[in-house]
Structure formats: C-alpha cells, structure tokens
Amino acid sequence: MNLRHPSRRTLREWLDTGGPASLDEHIGTCLRCAGRVEDLAEPSPAMGELLSQVLAPPVDLVPRLSDGINSKLRDRADLRLLGGMLGLPIETTRLIVREPPSD
C-alpha cells in the first residue's frame, strides 16, 4: 500500500491522459483521491449544456412573478377599502349613540 497520495498535478494528468495501473487502483480505493479527481474533473460540453438547460429559470418566470406581485397588491388595496367600508357603520353608530355635551 502506498502511503503517499498523488499530487493535484498528477491527478490532473491522470484525468487528461490516463496513467499507470497503480494510480487507477489507488484512485479506485482511496476516497480522498477519488474526491479530488471529481473536484478536478470538468464537465463535458454536452453535460454543461444539459446542466444549463436544467438549471435555467422557466421562460415565463418574470411575467408570473409580476402577475403574482400585482395580485397581492390588489388584494391588499381591496382589504384596505373593505376595512374602511366596515369602519363607516362603526363611526356612524358612535356619532348617533354619543351623548351630546352637557352645557
């Protein structure tokens, strides 16, 4: 068993050109080096394109967000109007029921 781990440069070369069987075996059994190889490996252009398609926001995201925000603002305005309308009877009742000031 080799107690030394290959350098990042050696691992990069192994990714680019392949390497000796002993290095293949080491990477296959060493979690540390296998993780470093994964970190060094760049996705292929096809994989990069697939990832960008999967991670891209939906085409209609901006209109949906805008519609949602506008809807919430309309709902809030409607609630304020309703609150004001419900407050009118209360204020009217206070005016009617309030005792006139005594002279």
C-alpha atoms as a PDB file:
ATOM      1  CA  MET A   1       0.000   0.000   0.000  1.00  0.00           C
ATOM      2  CA  ASN A   2       1.335   3.415  -0.961  1.00  0.00           C
ATOM      3  CA  LEU A   3       1.126   5.869   1.923  1.00  0.00           C
ATOM      4  CA  ARG A   4       1.589   8.891  -0.350  1.00  0.00           C
ATOM      5  CA  HIS A   5      -1.285  10.410  -2.226  1.00  0.00           C
ATOM      6  CA  PRO A   6      -0.676  11.731  -5.749  1.00  0.00           C
ATOM      7  CA  SER A   7      -0.448  15.496  -6.163  1.00  0.00           C
ATOM      8  CA  ARG A   8      -3.196  17.537  -7.780  1.00  0.00           C
ATOM      9  CA  ARG A   9      -0.978  17.914 -10.814  1.00  0.00           C
ATOM     10  CA  THR A  10      -0.552  14.140 -11.104  1.00  0.00           C
ATOM     11  CA  LEU A  11      -4.290  13.648 -10.719  1.00  0.00           C
ATOM     12  CA  ARG A  12      -4.943  16.276 -13.413  1.00  0.00           C
ATOM     13  CA  GLU A  13      -2.524  14.496 -15.775  1.00  0.00           C
ATOM     14  CA  TRP A  14      -4.214  11.195 -14.981  1.00  0.00           C
ATOM     15  CA  LEU A  15      -7.571  12.743 -15.933  1.00  0.00           C
ATOM     16  CA  ASP A  16      -6.202  14.178 -19.163  1.00  0.00           C
ATOM     17  CA  THR A  17      -4.085  11.279 -20.411  1.00  0.00           C
ATOM     18  CA  GLY A  18      -4.664   8.307 -18.188  1.00  0.00           C
ATOM     19  CA  GLY A  19      -1.944   6.860 -16.057  1.00  0.00           C
ATOM     20  CA  PRO A  20      -0.349   3.766 -14.673  1.00  0.00           C
ATOM     21  CA  ALA A  21      -2.500   0.914 -13.377  1.00  0.00           C
ATOM     22  CA  SER A  22      -1.236   1.535  -9.843  1.00  0.00           C
ATOM     23  CA  LEU A  23      -2.713   5.036  -9.959  1.00  0.00           C
ATOM     24  CA  ASP A  24      -6.007   3.640 -11.273  1.00  0.00           C
ATOM     25  CA  GLU A  25      -6.054   1.184  -8.399  1.00  0.00           C
ATOM     26  CA  HIS A  26      -5.190   3.858  -5.836  1.00  0.00           C
ATOM     27  CA  ILE A  27      -7.949   6.202  -7.023  1.00  0.00           C
ATOM     28  CA  GLY A  28     -10.383   3.310  -7.053  1.00  0.00           C
ATOM     29  CA  THR A  29      -9.718   2.529  -3.381  1.00  0.00           C
ATOM     30  CA  CYS A  30      -8.869   5.953  -1.901  1.00  0.00           C
ATOM     31  CA  LEU A  31     -11.904   8.120  -1.145  1.00  0.00           C
ATOM     32  CA  ARG A  32      -9.744  11.193  -0.636  1.00  0.00           C
ATOM     33  CA  CYS A  33      -8.110  10.967  -4.063  1.00  0.00           C
ATOM     34  CA  ALA A  34     -11.350   9.963  -5.769  1.00  0.00           C
ATOM     35  CA  GLY A  35     -12.957  13.099  -4.312  1.00  0.00           C
ATOM     36  CA  ARG A  36     -10.064  15.221  -5.540  1.00  0.00           C
ATOM     37  CA  VAL A  37     -10.423  13.716  -9.020  1.00  0.00           C
ATOM     38  CA  GLU A  38     -14.124  14.609  -9.001  1.00  0.00           C
ATOM     39  CA  ASP A  39     -13.246  18.168  -7.999  1.00  0.00           C
ATOM     40  CA  LEU A  40     -10.664  18.425 -10.785  1.00  0.00           C
ATOM     41  CA  ALA A  41     -12.844  16.896 -13.484  1.00  0.00           C
ATOM     42  CA  GLU A  42     -14.608  19.423 -15.680  1.00  0.00           C
ATOM     43  CA  PRO A  43     -17.987  18.525 -17.103  1.00  0.00           C
ATOM     44  CA  SER A  44     -18.064  17.791 -20.803  1.00  0.00           C
ATOM     45  CA  PRO A  45     -19.588  20.484 -23.034  1.00  0.00           C
ATOM     46  CA  ALA A  46     -22.664  18.307 -23.572  1.00  0.00           C
ATOM     47  CA  MET A  47     -23.067  17.861 -19.803  1.00  0.00           C
ATOM     48  CA  GLY A  48     -22.588  21.604 -19.286  1.00  0.00           C
ATOM     49  CA  GLU A  49     -25.304  22.331 -21.821  1.00  0.00           C
ATOM     50  CA  LEU A  50     -27.680  19.854 -20.172  1.00  0.00           C
ATOM     51  CA  LEU A  51     -26.984  21.342 -16.749  1.00  0.00           C
ATOM     52  CA  SER A  52     -27.620  24.869 -18.002  1.00  0.00           C
ATOM     53  CA  GLN A  53     -30.945  23.742 -19.502  1.00  0.00           C
ATOM     54  CA  VAL A  54     -31.996  22.026 -16.291  1.00  0.00           C
ATOM     55  CA  LEU A  55     -30.927  24.918 -14.065  1.00  0.00           C
ATOM     56  CA  ALA A  56     -32.270  27.700 -16.287  1.00  0.00           C
ATOM     57  CA  PRO A  57     -35.282  29.568 -14.915  1.00  0.00           C
ATOM     58  CA  PRO A  58     -38.611  28.995 -16.665  1.00  0.00           C
ATOM     59  CA  VAL A  59     -39.228  31.247 -19.652  1.00  0.00           C
ATOM     60  CA  ASP A  60     -42.372  32.708 -18.097  1.00  0.00           C
ATOM     61  CA  LEU A  61     -40.813  33.388 -14.675  1.00  0.00           C
ATOM     62  CA  VAL A  62     -40.796  37.193 -14.900  1.00  0.00           C
ATOM     63  CA  PRO A  63     -44.427  37.537 -16.063  1.00  0.00           C
ATOM     64  CA  ARG A  64     -45.580  35.032 -13.422  1.00  0.00           C
ATOM     65  CA  LEU A  65     -43.751  36.890 -10.664  1.00  0.00           C
ATOM     66  CA  SER A  66     -45.089  40.223 -11.888  1.00  0.00           C
ATOM     67  CA  ASP A  67     -48.654  38.884 -12.018  1.00  0.00           C
ATOM     68  CA  GLY A  68     -48.320  37.417  -8.525  1.00  0.00           C
ATOM     69  CA  ILE A  69     -46.999  40.670  -7.069  1.00  0.00           C
ATOM     70  CA  ASN A  70     -49.718  42.732  -8.772  1.00  0.00           C
ATOM     71  CA  SER A  71     -52.371  40.333  -7.494  1.00  0.00           C
ATOM     72  CA  LYS A  72     -51.084  40.642  -3.922  1.00  0.00           C
ATOM     73  CA  LEU A  73     -51.038  44.446  -4.185  1.00  0.00           C
ATOM     74  CA  ARG A  74     -54.631  44.473  -5.499  1.00  0.00           C
ATOM     75  CA  ASP A  75     -55.719  42.167  -2.671  1.00  0.00           C
ATOM     76  CA  ARG A  76     -54.071  44.459  -0.122  1.00  0.00           C
ATOM     77  CA  ALA A  77     -55.800  47.535  -1.626  1.00  0.00           C
ATOM     78  CA  ASP A  78     -59.141  45.698  -1.592  1.00  0.00           C
ATOM     79  CA  LEU A  79     -58.686  44.818   2.083  1.00  0.00           C
ATOM     80  CA  ARG A  80     -57.949  48.449   2.934  1.00  0.00           C
ATOM     81  CA  LEU A  81     -61.108  49.534   1.088  1.00  0.00           C
ATOM     82  CA  LEU A  82     -63.169  46.846   2.822  1.00  0.00           C
ATOM     83  CA  GLY A  83     -61.764  47.863   6.193  1.00  0.00           C
ATOM     84  CA  GLY A  84     -62.691  51.468   5.507  1.00  0.00           C
ATOM     85  CA  MET A  85     -66.183  50.475   4.433  1.00  0.00           C
ATOM     86  CA  LEU A  86     -66.685  48.381   7.568  1.00  0.00           C
ATOM     87  CA  GLY A  87     -65.454  51.266   9.664  1.00  0.00           C
ATOM     88  CA  LEU A  88     -68.170  53.633   8.368  1.00  0.00           C
ATOM     89  CA  PRO A  89     -71.049  51.974  10.248  1.00  0.00           C
ATOM     90  CA  ILE A  90     -68.989  51.924  13.424  1.00  0.00           C
ATOM     91  CA  GLU A  91     -68.217  55.629  13.168  1.00  0.00           C
ATOM     92  CA  THR A  92     -71.854  56.396  12.305  1.00  0.00           C
ATOM     93  CA  THR A  93     -73.033  54.437  15.346  1.00  0.00           C
ATOM     94  CA  ARG A  94     -70.598  56.345  17.572  1.00  0.00           C
ATOM     95  CA  LEU A  95     -71.955  59.647  16.288  1.00  0.00           C
ATOM     96  CA  ILE A  96     -75.574  58.594  16.857  1.00  0.00           C
ATOM     97  CA  VAL A  97     -75.078  56.984  20.256  1.00  0.00           C
ATOM     98  CA  ARG A  98     -72.688  59.578  21.676  1.00  0.00           C
ATOM     99  CA  GLU A  99     -74.313  61.694  24.255  1.00  0.00           C
ATOM    100  CA  PRO A 100     -74.364  65.369  23.469  1.00  0.00           C
ATOM    101  CA  PRO A 101     -72.150  67.506  25.634  1.00  0.00           C
ATOM    102  CA  SER A 102     -73.965  68.941  28.627  1.00  0.00           C
ATOM    103  CA  ASP A 103     -73.987  72.709  28.975  1.00  0.00           C
END
